[in-house]
Every structure is written in structure tokens, then in C-alpha cells.
């Protein structure tokens, strides 16, 4: 997740929603 933030911040923001839905 830190690698994603250091790679592309917008993608990290968007994928955070995927993580929340995935866990839920």
C-alpha cells in the first residue's frame, strides 16, 4: 500500500475504496 502511494497517489485514493468494499 505504501508502494502504491509512492507510485501514484490518485490510484491509492481510488483503490482505498476497493479495499473497503473487499473487506466488507
PDBML (XML) file of the C-alpha atoms, coordinates in Angstrom:
<?xml version="1.0" encoding="UTF-8" ?>
<PDBx:datablock datablockName="MODEL"
   xmlns:PDBx="http://pdbml.pdb.org/schema/pdbx-v50.xsd"
   xmlns:xsi="http://www.w3.org/2001/XMLSchema-instance"
   xsi:schemaLocation="http://pdbml.pdb.org/schema/pdbx-v50.xsd pdbx-v50.xsd">
   <PDBx:atom_siteCategory>
      <PDBx:atom_site id="1">
         <PDBx:B_iso_or_equiv>0.00</PDBx:B_iso_or_equiv>
         <PDBx:Cartn_x>0.000</PDBx:Cartn_x>
         <PDBx:Cartn_y>0.000</PDBx:Cartn_y>
         <PDBx:Cartn_z>0.000</PDBx:Cartn_z>
         <PDBx:auth_asym_id>A</PDBx:auth_asym_id>
         <PDBx:auth_atom_id>CA</PDBx:auth_atom_id>
         <PDBx:auth_comp_id>UNK</PDBx:auth_comp_id>
         <PDBx:auth_seq_id>1</PDBx:auth_seq_id>
         <PDBx:group_PDB>ATOM</PDBx:group_PDB>
         <PDBx:label_alt_id xsi:nil="true" />
         <PDBx:label_asym_id>A</PDBx:label_asym_id>
         <PDBx:label_atom_id>CA</PDBx:label_atom_id>
         <PDBx:label_comp_id>UNK</PDBx:label_comp_id>
         <PDBx:label_entity_id>1</PDBx:label_entity_id>
         <PDBx:label_seq_id>1</PDBx:label_seq_id>
         <PDBx:occupancy>1.00</PDBx:occupancy>
         <PDBx:pdbx_PDB_model_num>1</PDBx:pdbx_PDB_model_num>
         <PDBx:type_symbol>C</PDBx:type_symbol>
      </PDBx:atom_site>
      <PDBx:atom_site id="2">
         <PDBx:B_iso_or_equiv>0.00</PDBx:B_iso_or_equiv>
         <PDBx:Cartn_x>2.916</PDBx:Cartn_x>
         <PDBx:Cartn_y>2.334</PDBx:Cartn_y>
         <PDBx:Cartn_z>0.715</PDBx:Cartn_z>
         <PDBx:auth_asym_id>A</PDBx:auth_asym_id>
         <PDBx:auth_atom_id>CA</PDBx:auth_atom_id>
         <PDBx:auth_comp_id>UNK</PDBx:auth_comp_id>
         <PDBx:auth_seq_id>2</PDBx:auth_seq_id>
         <PDBx:group_PDB>ATOM</PDBx:group_PDB>
         <PDBx:label_alt_id xsi:nil="true" />
         <PDBx:label_asym_id>A</PDBx:label_asym_id>
         <PDBx:label_atom_id>CA</PDBx:label_atom_id>
         <PDBx:label_comp_id>UNK</PDBx:label_comp_id>
         <PDBx:label_entity_id>1</PDBx:label_entity_id>
         <PDBx:label_seq_id>2</PDBx:label_seq_id>
         <PDBx:occupancy>1.00</PDBx:occupancy>
         <PDBx:pdbx_PDB_model_num>1</PDBx:pdbx_PDB_model_num>
         <PDBx:type_symbol>C</PDBx:type_symbol>
      </PDBx:atom_site>
      <PDBx:atom_site id="3">
         <PDBx:B_iso_or_equiv>0.00</PDBx:B_iso_or_equiv>
         <PDBx:Cartn_x>4.353</PDBx:Cartn_x>
         <PDBx:Cartn_y>1.366</PDBx:Cartn_y>
         <PDBx:Cartn_z>-2.679</PDBx:Cartn_z>
         <PDBx:auth_asym_id>A</PDBx:auth_asym_id>
         <PDBx:auth_atom_id>CA</PDBx:auth_atom_id>
         <PDBx:auth_comp_id>UNK</PDBx:auth_comp_id>
         <PDBx:auth_seq_id>3</PDBx:auth_seq_id>
         <PDBx:group_PDB>ATOM</PDBx:group_PDB>
         <PDBx:label_alt_id xsi:nil="true" />
         <PDBx:label_asym_id>A</PDBx:label_asym_id>
         <PDBx:label_atom_id>CA</PDBx:label_atom_id>
         <PDBx:label_comp_id>UNK</PDBx:label_comp_id>
         <PDBx:label_entity_id>1</PDBx:label_entity_id>
         <PDBx:label_seq_id>3</PDBx:label_seq_id>
         <PDBx:occupancy>1.00</PDBx:occupancy>
         <PDBx:pdbx_PDB_model_num>1</PDBx:pdbx_PDB_model_num>
         <PDBx:type_symbol>C</PDBx:type_symbol>
      </PDBx:atom_site>
      <PDBx:atom_site id="4">
         <PDBx:B_iso_or_equiv>0.00</PDBx:B_iso_or_equiv>
         <PDBx:Cartn_x>1.060</PDBx:Cartn_x>
         <PDBx:Cartn_y>2.339</PDBx:Cartn_y>
         <PDBx:Cartn_z>-4.325</PDBx:Cartn_z>
         <PDBx:auth_asym_id>A</PDBx:auth_asym_id>
         <PDBx:auth_atom_id>CA</PDBx:auth_atom_id>
         <PDBx:auth_comp_id>UNK</PDBx:auth_comp_id>
         <PDBx:auth_seq_id>4</PDBx:auth_seq_id>
         <PDBx:group_PDB>ATOM</PDBx:group_PDB>
         <PDBx:label_alt_id xsi:nil="true" />
         <PDBx:label_asym_id>A</PDBx:label_asym_id>
         <PDBx:label_atom_id>CA</PDBx:label_atom_id>
         <PDBx:label_comp_id>UNK</PDBx:label_comp_id>
         <PDBx:label_entity_id>1</PDBx:label_entity_id>
         <PDBx:label_seq_id>4</PDBx:label_seq_id>
         <PDBx:occupancy>1.00</PDBx:occupancy>
         <PDBx:pdbx_PDB_model_num>1</PDBx:pdbx_PDB_model_num>
         <PDBx:type_symbol>C</PDBx:type_symbol>
      </PDBx:atom_site>
      <PDBx:atom_site id="5">
         <PDBx:B_iso_or_equiv>0.00</PDBx:B_iso_or_equiv>
         <PDBx:Cartn_x>1.083</PDBx:Cartn_x>
         <PDBx:Cartn_y>5.713</PDBx:Cartn_y>
         <PDBx:Cartn_z>-2.546</PDBx:Cartn_z>
         <PDBx:auth_asym_id>A</PDBx:auth_asym_id>
         <PDBx:auth_atom_id>CA</PDBx:auth_atom_id>
         <PDBx:auth_comp_id>UNK</PDBx:auth_comp_id>
         <PDBx:auth_seq_id>5</PDBx:auth_seq_id>
         <PDBx:group_PDB>ATOM</PDBx:group_PDB>
         <PDBx:label_alt_id xsi:nil="true" />
         <PDBx:label_asym_id>A</PDBx:label_asym_id>
         <PDBx:label_atom_id>CA</PDBx:label_atom_id>
         <PDBx:label_comp_id>UNK</PDBx:label_comp_id>
         <PDBx:label_entity_id>1</PDBx:label_entity_id>
         <PDBx:label_seq_id>5</PDBx:label_seq_id>
         <PDBx:occupancy>1.00</PDBx:occupancy>
         <PDBx:pdbx_PDB_model_num>1</PDBx:pdbx_PDB_model_num>
         <PDBx:type_symbol>C</PDBx:type_symbol>
      </PDBx:atom_site>
      <PDBx:atom_site id="6">
         <PDBx:B_iso_or_equiv>0.00</PDBx:B_iso_or_equiv>
         <PDBx:Cartn_x>4.673</PDBx:Cartn_x>
         <PDBx:Cartn_y>6.328</PDBx:Cartn_y>
         <PDBx:Cartn_z>-3.643</PDBx:Cartn_z>
         <PDBx:auth_asym_id>A</PDBx:auth_asym_id>
         <PDBx:auth_atom_id>CA</PDBx:auth_atom_id>
         <PDBx:auth_comp_id>UNK</PDBx:auth_comp_id>
         <PDBx:auth_seq_id>6</PDBx:auth_seq_id>
         <PDBx:group_PDB>ATOM</PDBx:group_PDB>
         <PDBx:label_alt_id xsi:nil="true" />
         <PDBx:label_asym_id>A</PDBx:label_asym_id>
         <PDBx:label_atom_id>CA</PDBx:label_atom_id>
         <PDBx:label_comp_id>UNK</PDBx:label_comp_id>
         <PDBx:label_entity_id>1</PDBx:label_entity_id>
         <PDBx:label_seq_id>6</PDBx:label_seq_id>
         <PDBx:occupancy>1.00</PDBx:occupancy>
         <PDBx:pdbx_PDB_model_num>1</PDBx:pdbx_PDB_model_num>
         <PDBx:type_symbol>C</PDBx:type_symbol>
      </PDBx:atom_site>
      <PDBx:atom_site id="7">
         <PDBx:B_iso_or_equiv>0.00</PDBx:B_iso_or_equiv>
         <PDBx:Cartn_x>3.782</PDBx:Cartn_x>
         <PDBx:Cartn_y>5.297</PDBx:Cartn_y>
         <PDBx:Cartn_z>-7.197</PDBx:Cartn_z>
         <PDBx:auth_asym_id>A</PDBx:auth_asym_id>
         <PDBx:auth_atom_id>CA</PDBx:auth_atom_id>
         <PDBx:auth_comp_id>UNK</PDBx:auth_comp_id>
         <PDBx:auth_seq_id>7</PDBx:auth_seq_id>
         <PDBx:group_PDB>ATOM</PDBx:group_PDB>
         <PDBx:label_alt_id xsi:nil="true" />
         <PDBx:label_asym_id>A</PDBx:label_asym_id>
         <PDBx:label_atom_id>CA</PDBx:label_atom_id>
         <PDBx:label_comp_id>UNK</PDBx:label_comp_id>
         <PDBx:label_entity_id>1</PDBx:label_entity_id>
         <PDBx:label_seq_id>7</PDBx:label_seq_id>
         <PDBx:occupancy>1.00</PDBx:occupancy>
         <PDBx:pdbx_PDB_model_num>1</PDBx:pdbx_PDB_model_num>
         <PDBx:type_symbol>C</PDBx:type_symbol>
      </PDBx:atom_site>
      <PDBx:atom_site id="8">
         <PDBx:B_iso_or_equiv>0.00</PDBx:B_iso_or_equiv>
         <PDBx:Cartn_x>0.540</PDBx:Cartn_x>
         <PDBx:Cartn_y>7.133</PDBx:Cartn_y>
         <PDBx:Cartn_z>-7.910</PDBx:Cartn_z>
         <PDBx:auth_asym_id>A</PDBx:auth_asym_id>
         <PDBx:auth_atom_id>CA</PDBx:auth_atom_id>
         <PDBx:auth_comp_id>UNK</PDBx:auth_comp_id>
         <PDBx:auth_seq_id>8</PDBx:auth_seq_id>
         <PDBx:group_PDB>ATOM</PDBx:group_PDB>
         <PDBx:label_alt_id xsi:nil="true" />
         <PDBx:label_asym_id>A</PDBx:label_asym_id>
         <PDBx:label_atom_id>CA</PDBx:label_atom_id>
         <PDBx:label_comp_id>UNK</PDBx:label_comp_id>
         <PDBx:label_entity_id>1</PDBx:label_entity_id>
         <PDBx:label_seq_id>8</PDBx:label_seq_id>
         <PDBx:occupancy>1.00</PDBx:occupancy>
         <PDBx:pdbx_PDB_model_num>1</PDBx:pdbx_PDB_model_num>
         <PDBx:type_symbol>C</PDBx:type_symbol>
      </PDBx:atom_site>
      <PDBx:atom_site id="9">
         <PDBx:B_iso_or_equiv>0.00</PDBx:B_iso_or_equiv>
         <PDBx:Cartn_x>-1.365</PDBx:Cartn_x>
         <PDBx:Cartn_y>8.970</PDBx:Cartn_y>
         <PDBx:Cartn_z>-5.203</PDBx:Cartn_z>
         <PDBx:auth_asym_id>A</PDBx:auth_asym_id>
         <PDBx:auth_atom_id>CA</PDBx:auth_atom_id>
         <PDBx:auth_comp_id>UNK</PDBx:auth_comp_id>
         <PDBx:auth_seq_id>9</PDBx:auth_seq_id>
         <PDBx:group_PDB>ATOM</PDBx:group_PDB>
         <PDBx:label_alt_id xsi:nil="true" />
         <PDBx:label_asym_id>A</PDBx:label_asym_id>
         <PDBx:label_atom_id>CA</PDBx:label_atom_id>
         <PDBx:label_comp_id>UNK</PDBx:label_comp_id>
         <PDBx:label_entity_id>1</PDBx:label_entity_id>
         <PDBx:label_seq_id>9</PDBx:label_seq_id>
         <PDBx:occupancy>1.00</PDBx:occupancy>
         <PDBx:pdbx_PDB_model_num>1</PDBx:pdbx_PDB_model_num>
         <PDBx:type_symbol>C</PDBx:type_symbol>
      </PDBx:atom_site>
      <PDBx:atom_site id="10">
         <PDBx:B_iso_or_equiv>0.00</PDBx:B_iso_or_equiv>
         <PDBx:Cartn_x>-4.694</PDBx:Cartn_x>
         <PDBx:Cartn_y>9.249</PDBx:Cartn_y>
         <PDBx:Cartn_z>-7.062</PDBx:Cartn_z>
         <PDBx:auth_asym_id>A</PDBx:auth_asym_id>
         <PDBx:auth_atom_id>CA</PDBx:auth_atom_id>
         <PDBx:auth_comp_id>UNK</PDBx:auth_comp_id>
         <PDBx:auth_seq_id>10</PDBx:auth_seq_id>
         <PDBx:group_PDB>ATOM</PDBx:group_PDB>
         <PDBx:label_alt_id xsi:nil="true" />
         <PDBx:label_asym_id>A</PDBx:label_asym_id>
         <PDBx:label_atom_id>CA</PDBx:label_atom_id>
         <PDBx:label_comp_id>UNK</PDBx:label_comp_id>
         <PDBx:label_entity_id>1</PDBx:label_entity_id>
         <PDBx:label_seq_id>10</PDBx:label_seq_id>
         <PDBx:occupancy>1.00</PDBx:occupancy>
         <PDBx:pdbx_PDB_model_num>1</PDBx:pdbx_PDB_model_num>
         <PDBx:type_symbol>C</PDBx:type_symbol>
      </PDBx:atom_site>
      <PDBx:atom_site id="11">
         <PDBx:B_iso_or_equiv>0.00</PDBx:B_iso_or_equiv>
         <PDBx:Cartn_x>-4.731</PDBx:Cartn_x>
         <PDBx:Cartn_y>5.488</PDBx:Cartn_y>
         <PDBx:Cartn_z>-7.670</PDBx:Cartn_z>
         <PDBx:auth_asym_id>A</PDBx:auth_asym_id>
         <PDBx:auth_atom_id>CA</PDBx:auth_atom_id>
         <PDBx:auth_comp_id>UNK</PDBx:auth_comp_id>
         <PDBx:auth_seq_id>11</PDBx:auth_seq_id>
         <PDBx:group_PDB>ATOM</PDBx:group_PDB>
         <PDBx:label_alt_id xsi:nil="true" />
         <PDBx:label_asym_id>A</PDBx:label_asym_id>
         <PDBx:label_atom_id>CA</PDBx:label_atom_id>
         <PDBx:label_comp_id>UNK</PDBx:label_comp_id>
         <PDBx:label_entity_id>1</PDBx:label_entity_id>
         <PDBx:label_seq_id>11</PDBx:label_seq_id>
         <PDBx:occupancy>1.00</PDBx:occupancy>
         <PDBx:pdbx_PDB_model_num>1</PDBx:pdbx_PDB_model_num>
         <PDBx:type_symbol>C</PDBx:type_symbol>
      </PDBx:atom_site>
      <PDBx:atom_site id="12">
         <PDBx:B_iso_or_equiv>0.00</PDBx:B_iso_or_equiv>
         <PDBx:Cartn_x>-4.115</PDBx:Cartn_x>
         <PDBx:Cartn_y>4.956</PDBx:Cartn_y>
         <PDBx:Cartn_z>-3.952</PDBx:Cartn_z>
         <PDBx:auth_asym_id>A</PDBx:auth_asym_id>
         <PDBx:auth_atom_id>CA</PDBx:auth_atom_id>
         <PDBx:auth_comp_id>UNK</PDBx:auth_comp_id>
         <PDBx:auth_seq_id>12</PDBx:auth_seq_id>
         <PDBx:group_PDB>ATOM</PDBx:group_PDB>
         <PDBx:label_alt_id xsi:nil="true" />
         <PDBx:label_asym_id>A</PDBx:label_asym_id>
         <PDBx:label_atom_id>CA</PDBx:label_atom_id>
         <PDBx:label_comp_id>UNK</PDBx:label_comp_id>
         <PDBx:label_entity_id>1</PDBx:label_entity_id>
         <PDBx:label_seq_id>12</PDBx:label_seq_id>
         <PDBx:occupancy>1.00</PDBx:occupancy>
         <PDBx:pdbx_PDB_model_num>1</PDBx:pdbx_PDB_model_num>
         <PDBx:type_symbol>C</PDBx:type_symbol>
      </PDBx:atom_site>
      <PDBx:atom_site id="13">
         <PDBx:B_iso_or_equiv>0.00</PDBx:B_iso_or_equiv>
         <PDBx:Cartn_x>-7.112</PDBx:Cartn_x>
         <PDBx:Cartn_y>7.122</PDBx:Cartn_y>
         <PDBx:Cartn_z>-3.075</PDBx:Cartn_z>
         <PDBx:auth_asym_id>A</PDBx:auth_asym_id>
         <PDBx:auth_atom_id>CA</PDBx:auth_atom_id>
         <PDBx:auth_comp_id>UNK</PDBx:auth_comp_id>
         <PDBx:auth_seq_id>13</PDBx:auth_seq_id>
         <PDBx:group_PDB>ATOM</PDBx:group_PDB>
         <PDBx:label_alt_id xsi:nil="true" />
         <PDBx:label_asym_id>A</PDBx:label_asym_id>
         <PDBx:label_atom_id>CA</PDBx:label_atom_id>
         <PDBx:label_comp_id>UNK</PDBx:label_comp_id>
         <PDBx:label_entity_id>1</PDBx:label_entity_id>
         <PDBx:label_seq_id>13</PDBx:label_seq_id>
         <PDBx:occupancy>1.00</PDBx:occupancy>
         <PDBx:pdbx_PDB_model_num>1</PDBx:pdbx_PDB_model_num>
         <PDBx:type_symbol>C</PDBx:type_symbol>
      </PDBx:atom_site>
      <PDBx:atom_site id="14">
         <PDBx:B_iso_or_equiv>0.00</PDBx:B_iso_or_equiv>
         <PDBx:Cartn_x>-9.350</PDBx:Cartn_x>
         <PDBx:Cartn_y>5.283</PDBx:Cartn_y>
         <PDBx:Cartn_z>-5.537</PDBx:Cartn_z>
         <PDBx:auth_asym_id>A</PDBx:auth_asym_id>
         <PDBx:auth_atom_id>CA</PDBx:auth_atom_id>
         <PDBx:auth_comp_id>UNK</PDBx:auth_comp_id>
         <PDBx:auth_seq_id>14</PDBx:auth_seq_id>
         <PDBx:group_PDB>ATOM</PDBx:group_PDB>
         <PDBx:label_alt_id xsi:nil="true" />
         <PDBx:label_asym_id>A</PDBx:label_asym_id>
         <PDBx:label_atom_id>CA</PDBx:label_atom_id>
         <PDBx:label_comp_id>UNK</PDBx:label_comp_id>
         <PDBx:label_entity_id>1</PDBx:label_entity_id>
         <PDBx:label_seq_id>14</PDBx:label_seq_id>
         <PDBx:occupancy>1.00</PDBx:occupancy>
         <PDBx:pdbx_PDB_model_num>1</PDBx:pdbx_PDB_model_num>
         <PDBx:type_symbol>C</PDBx:type_symbol>
      </PDBx:atom_site>
      <PDBx:atom_site id="15">
         <PDBx:B_iso_or_equiv>0.00</PDBx:B_iso_or_equiv>
         <PDBx:Cartn_x>-8.146</PDBx:Cartn_x>
         <PDBx:Cartn_y>1.805</PDBx:Cartn_y>
         <PDBx:Cartn_z>-4.607</PDBx:Cartn_z>
         <PDBx:auth_asym_id>A</PDBx:auth_asym_id>
         <PDBx:auth_atom_id>CA</PDBx:auth_atom_id>
         <PDBx:auth_comp_id>UNK</PDBx:auth_comp_id>
         <PDBx:auth_seq_id>15</PDBx:auth_seq_id>
         <PDBx:group_PDB>ATOM</PDBx:group_PDB>
         <PDBx:label_alt_id xsi:nil="true" />
         <PDBx:label_asym_id>A</PDBx:label_asym_id>
         <PDBx:label_atom_id>CA</PDBx:label_atom_id>
         <PDBx:label_comp_id>UNK</PDBx:label_comp_id>
         <PDBx:label_entity_id>1</PDBx:label_entity_id>
         <PDBx:label_seq_id>15</PDBx:label_seq_id>
         <PDBx:occupancy>1.00</PDBx:occupancy>
         <PDBx:pdbx_PDB_model_num>1</PDBx:pdbx_PDB_model_num>
         <PDBx:type_symbol>C</PDBx:type_symbol>
      </PDBx:atom_site>
      <PDBx:atom_site id="16">
         <PDBx:B_iso_or_equiv>0.00</PDBx:B_iso_or_equiv>
         <PDBx:Cartn_x>-8.745</PDBx:Cartn_x>
         <PDBx:Cartn_y>2.503</PDBx:Cartn_y>
         <PDBx:Cartn_z>-0.931</PDBx:Cartn_z>
         <PDBx:auth_asym_id>A</PDBx:auth_asym_id>
         <PDBx:auth_atom_id>CA</PDBx:auth_atom_id>
         <PDBx:auth_comp_id>UNK</PDBx:auth_comp_id>
         <PDBx:auth_seq_id>16</PDBx:auth_seq_id>
         <PDBx:group_PDB>ATOM</PDBx:group_PDB>
         <PDBx:label_alt_id xsi:nil="true" />
         <PDBx:label_asym_id>A</PDBx:label_asym_id>
         <PDBx:label_atom_id>CA</PDBx:label_atom_id>
         <PDBx:label_comp_id>UNK</PDBx:label_comp_id>
         <PDBx:label_entity_id>1</PDBx:label_entity_id>
         <PDBx:label_seq_id>16</PDBx:label_seq_id>
         <PDBx:occupancy>1.00</PDBx:occupancy>
         <PDBx:pdbx_PDB_model_num>1</PDBx:pdbx_PDB_model_num>
         <PDBx:type_symbol>C</PDBx:type_symbol>
      </PDBx:atom_site>
      <PDBx:atom_site id="17">
         <PDBx:B_iso_or_equiv>0.00</PDBx:B_iso_or_equiv>
         <PDBx:Cartn_x>-12.465</PDBx:Cartn_x>
         <PDBx:Cartn_y>2.303</PDBx:Cartn_y>
         <PDBx:Cartn_z>-1.735</PDBx:Cartn_z>
         <PDBx:auth_asym_id>A</PDBx:auth_asym_id>
         <PDBx:auth_atom_id>CA</PDBx:auth_atom_id>
         <PDBx:auth_comp_id>UNK</PDBx:auth_comp_id>
         <PDBx:auth_seq_id>17</PDBx:auth_seq_id>
         <PDBx:group_PDB>ATOM</PDBx:group_PDB>
         <PDBx:label_alt_id xsi:nil="true" />
         <PDBx:label_asym_id>A</PDBx:label_asym_id>
         <PDBx:label_atom_id>CA</PDBx:label_atom_id>
         <PDBx:label_comp_id>UNK</PDBx:label_comp_id>
         <PDBx:label_entity_id>1</PDBx:label_entity_id>
         <PDBx:label_seq_id>17</PDBx:label_seq_id>
         <PDBx:occupancy>1.00</PDBx:occupancy>
         <PDBx:pdbx_PDB_model_num>1</PDBx:pdbx_PDB_model_num>
         <PDBx:type_symbol>C</PDBx:type_symbol>
      </PDBx:atom_site>
      <PDBx:atom_site id="18">
         <PDBx:B_iso_or_equiv>0.00</PDBx:B_iso_or_equiv>
         <PDBx:Cartn_x>-11.888</PDBx:Cartn_x>
         <PDBx:Cartn_y>-1.100</PDBx:Cartn_y>
         <PDBx:Cartn_z>-3.349</PDBx:Cartn_z>
         <PDBx:auth_asym_id>A</PDBx:auth_asym_id>
         <PDBx:auth_atom_id>CA</PDBx:auth_atom_id>
         <PDBx:auth_comp_id>UNK</PDBx:auth_comp_id>
         <PDBx:auth_seq_id>18</PDBx:auth_seq_id>
         <PDBx:group_PDB>ATOM</PDBx:group_PDB>
         <PDBx:label_alt_id xsi:nil="true" />
         <PDBx:label_asym_id>A</PDBx:label_asym_id>
         <PDBx:label_atom_id>CA</PDBx:label_atom_id>
         <PDBx:label_comp_id>UNK</PDBx:label_comp_id>
         <PDBx:label_entity_id>1</PDBx:label_entity_id>
         <PDBx:label_seq_id>18</PDBx:label_seq_id>
         <PDBx:occupancy>1.00</PDBx:occupancy>
         <PDBx:pdbx_PDB_model_num>1</PDBx:pdbx_PDB_model_num>
         <PDBx:type_symbol>C</PDBx:type_symbol>
      </PDBx:atom_site>
      <PDBx:atom_site id="19">
         <PDBx:B_iso_or_equiv>0.00</PDBx:B_iso_or_equiv>
         <PDBx:Cartn_x>-10.110</PDBx:Cartn_x>
         <PDBx:Cartn_y>-2.284</PDBx:Cartn_y>
         <PDBx:Cartn_z>-0.200</PDBx:Cartn_z>
         <PDBx:auth_asym_id>A</PDBx:auth_asym_id>
         <PDBx:auth_atom_id>CA</PDBx:auth_atom_id>
         <PDBx:auth_comp_id>UNK</PDBx:auth_comp_id>
         <PDBx:auth_seq_id>19</PDBx:auth_seq_id>
         <PDBx:group_PDB>ATOM</PDBx:group_PDB>
         <PDBx:label_alt_id xsi:nil="true" />
         <PDBx:label_asym_id>A</PDBx:label_asym_id>
         <PDBx:label_atom_id>CA</PDBx:label_atom_id>
         <PDBx:label_comp_id>UNK</PDBx:label_comp_id>
         <PDBx:label_entity_id>1</PDBx:label_entity_id>
         <PDBx:label_seq_id>19</PDBx:label_seq_id>
         <PDBx:occupancy>1.00</PDBx:occupancy>
         <PDBx:pdbx_PDB_model_num>1</PDBx:pdbx_PDB_model_num>
         <PDBx:type_symbol>C</PDBx:type_symbol>
      </PDBx:atom_site>
      <PDBx:atom_site id="20">
         <PDBx:B_iso_or_equiv>0.00</PDBx:B_iso_or_equiv>
         <PDBx:Cartn_x>-13.022</PDBx:Cartn_x>
         <PDBx:Cartn_y>-1.162</PDBx:Cartn_y>
         <PDBx:Cartn_z>1.995</PDBx:Cartn_z>
         <PDBx:auth_asym_id>A</PDBx:auth_asym_id>
         <PDBx:auth_atom_id>CA</PDBx:auth_atom_id>
         <PDBx:auth_comp_id>UNK</PDBx:auth_comp_id>
         <PDBx:auth_seq_id>20</PDBx:auth_seq_id>
         <PDBx:group_PDB>ATOM</PDBx:group_PDB>
         <PDBx:label_alt_id xsi:nil="true" />
         <PDBx:label_asym_id>A</PDBx:label_asym_id>
         <PDBx:label_atom_id>CA</PDBx:label_atom_id>
         <PDBx:label_comp_id>UNK</PDBx:label_comp_id>
         <PDBx:label_entity_id>1</PDBx:label_entity_id>
         <PDBx:label_seq_id>20</PDBx:label_seq_id>
         <PDBx:occupancy>1.00</PDBx:occupancy>
         <PDBx:pdbx_PDB_model_num>1</PDBx:pdbx_PDB_model_num>
         <PDBx:type_symbol>C</PDBx:type_symbol>
      </PDBx:atom_site>
      <PDBx:atom_site id="21">
         <PDBx:B_iso_or_equiv>0.00</PDBx:B_iso_or_equiv>
         <PDBx:Cartn_x>-15.597</PDBx:Cartn_x>
         <PDBx:Cartn_y>-2.910</PDBx:Cartn_y>
         <PDBx:Cartn_z>-0.228</PDBx:Cartn_z>
         <PDBx:auth_asym_id>A</PDBx:auth_asym_id>
         <PDBx:auth_atom_id>CA</PDBx:auth_atom_id>
         <PDBx:auth_comp_id>UNK</PDBx:auth_comp_id>
         <PDBx:auth_seq_id>21</PDBx:auth_seq_id>
         <PDBx:group_PDB>ATOM</PDBx:group_PDB>
         <PDBx:label_alt_id xsi:nil="true" />
         <PDBx:label_asym_id>A</PDBx:label_asym_id>
         <PDBx:label_atom_id>CA</PDBx:label_atom_id>
         <PDBx:label_comp_id>UNK</PDBx:label_comp_id>
         <PDBx:label_entity_id>1</PDBx:label_entity_id>
         <PDBx:label_seq_id>21</PDBx:label_seq_id>
         <PDBx:occupancy>1.00</PDBx:occupancy>
         <PDBx:pdbx_PDB_model_num>1</PDBx:pdbx_PDB_model_num>
         <PDBx:type_symbol>C</PDBx:type_symbol>
      </PDBx:atom_site>
      <PDBx:atom_site id="22">
         <PDBx:B_iso_or_equiv>0.00</PDBx:B_iso_or_equiv>
         <PDBx:Cartn_x>-13.414</PDBx:Cartn_x>
         <PDBx:Cartn_y>-6.030</PDBx:Cartn_y>
         <PDBx:Cartn_z>-0.448</PDBx:Cartn_z>
         <PDBx:auth_asym_id>A</PDBx:auth_asym_id>
         <PDBx:auth_atom_id>CA</PDBx:auth_atom_id>
         <PDBx:auth_comp_id>UNK</PDBx:auth_comp_id>
         <PDBx:auth_seq_id>22</PDBx:auth_seq_id>
         <PDBx:group_PDB>ATOM</PDBx:group_PDB>
         <PDBx:label_alt_id xsi:nil="true" />
         <PDBx:label_asym_id>A</PDBx:label_asym_id>
         <PDBx:label_atom_id>CA</PDBx:label_atom_id>
         <PDBx:label_comp_id>UNK</PDBx:label_comp_id>
         <PDBx:label_entity_id>1</PDBx:label_entity_id>
         <PDBx:label_seq_id>22</PDBx:label_seq_id>
         <PDBx:occupancy>1.00</PDBx:occupancy>
         <PDBx:pdbx_PDB_model_num>1</PDBx:pdbx_PDB_model_num>
         <PDBx:type_symbol>C</PDBx:type_symbol>
      </PDBx:atom_site>
      <PDBx:atom_site id="23">
         <PDBx:B_iso_or_equiv>0.00</PDBx:B_iso_or_equiv>
         <PDBx:Cartn_x>-13.117</PDBx:Cartn_x>
         <PDBx:Cartn_y>-6.299</PDBx:Cartn_y>
         <PDBx:Cartn_z>3.340</PDBx:Cartn_z>
         <PDBx:auth_asym_id>A</PDBx:auth_asym_id>
         <PDBx:auth_atom_id>CA</PDBx:auth_atom_id>
         <PDBx:auth_comp_id>UNK</PDBx:auth_comp_id>
         <PDBx:auth_seq_id>23</PDBx:auth_seq_id>
         <PDBx:group_PDB>ATOM</PDBx:group_PDB>
         <PDBx:label_alt_id xsi:nil="true" />
         <PDBx:label_asym_id>A</PDBx:label_asym_id>
         <PDBx:label_atom_id>CA</PDBx:label_atom_id>
         <PDBx:label_comp_id>UNK</PDBx:label_comp_id>
         <PDBx:label_entity_id>1</PDBx:label_entity_id>
         <PDBx:label_seq_id>23</PDBx:label_seq_id>
         <PDBx:occupancy>1.00</PDBx:occupancy>
         <PDBx:pdbx_PDB_model_num>1</PDBx:pdbx_PDB_model_num>
         <PDBx:type_symbol>C</PDBx:type_symbol>
      </PDBx:atom_site>
      <PDBx:atom_site id="24">
         <PDBx:B_iso_or_equiv>0.00</PDBx:B_iso_or_equiv>
         <PDBx:Cartn_x>-16.816</PDBx:Cartn_x>
         <PDBx:Cartn_y>-5.561</PDBx:Cartn_y>
         <PDBx:Cartn_z>3.865</PDBx:Cartn_z>
         <PDBx:auth_asym_id>A</PDBx:auth_asym_id>
         <PDBx:auth_atom_id>CA</PDBx:auth_atom_id>
         <PDBx:auth_comp_id>UNK</PDBx:auth_comp_id>
         <PDBx:auth_seq_id>24</PDBx:auth_seq_id>
         <PDBx:group_PDB>ATOM</PDBx:group_PDB>
         <PDBx:label_alt_id xsi:nil="true" />
         <PDBx:label_asym_id>A</PDBx:label_asym_id>
         <PDBx:label_atom_id>CA</PDBx:label_atom_id>
         <PDBx:label_comp_id>UNK</PDBx:label_comp_id>
         <PDBx:label_entity_id>1</PDBx:label_entity_id>
         <PDBx:label_seq_id>24</PDBx:label_seq_id>
         <PDBx:occupancy>1.00</PDBx:occupancy>
         <PDBx:pdbx_PDB_model_num>1</PDBx:pdbx_PDB_model_num>
         <PDBx:type_symbol>C</PDBx:type_symbol>
      </PDBx:atom_site>
   </PDBx:atom_siteCategory>
</PDBx:datablock>
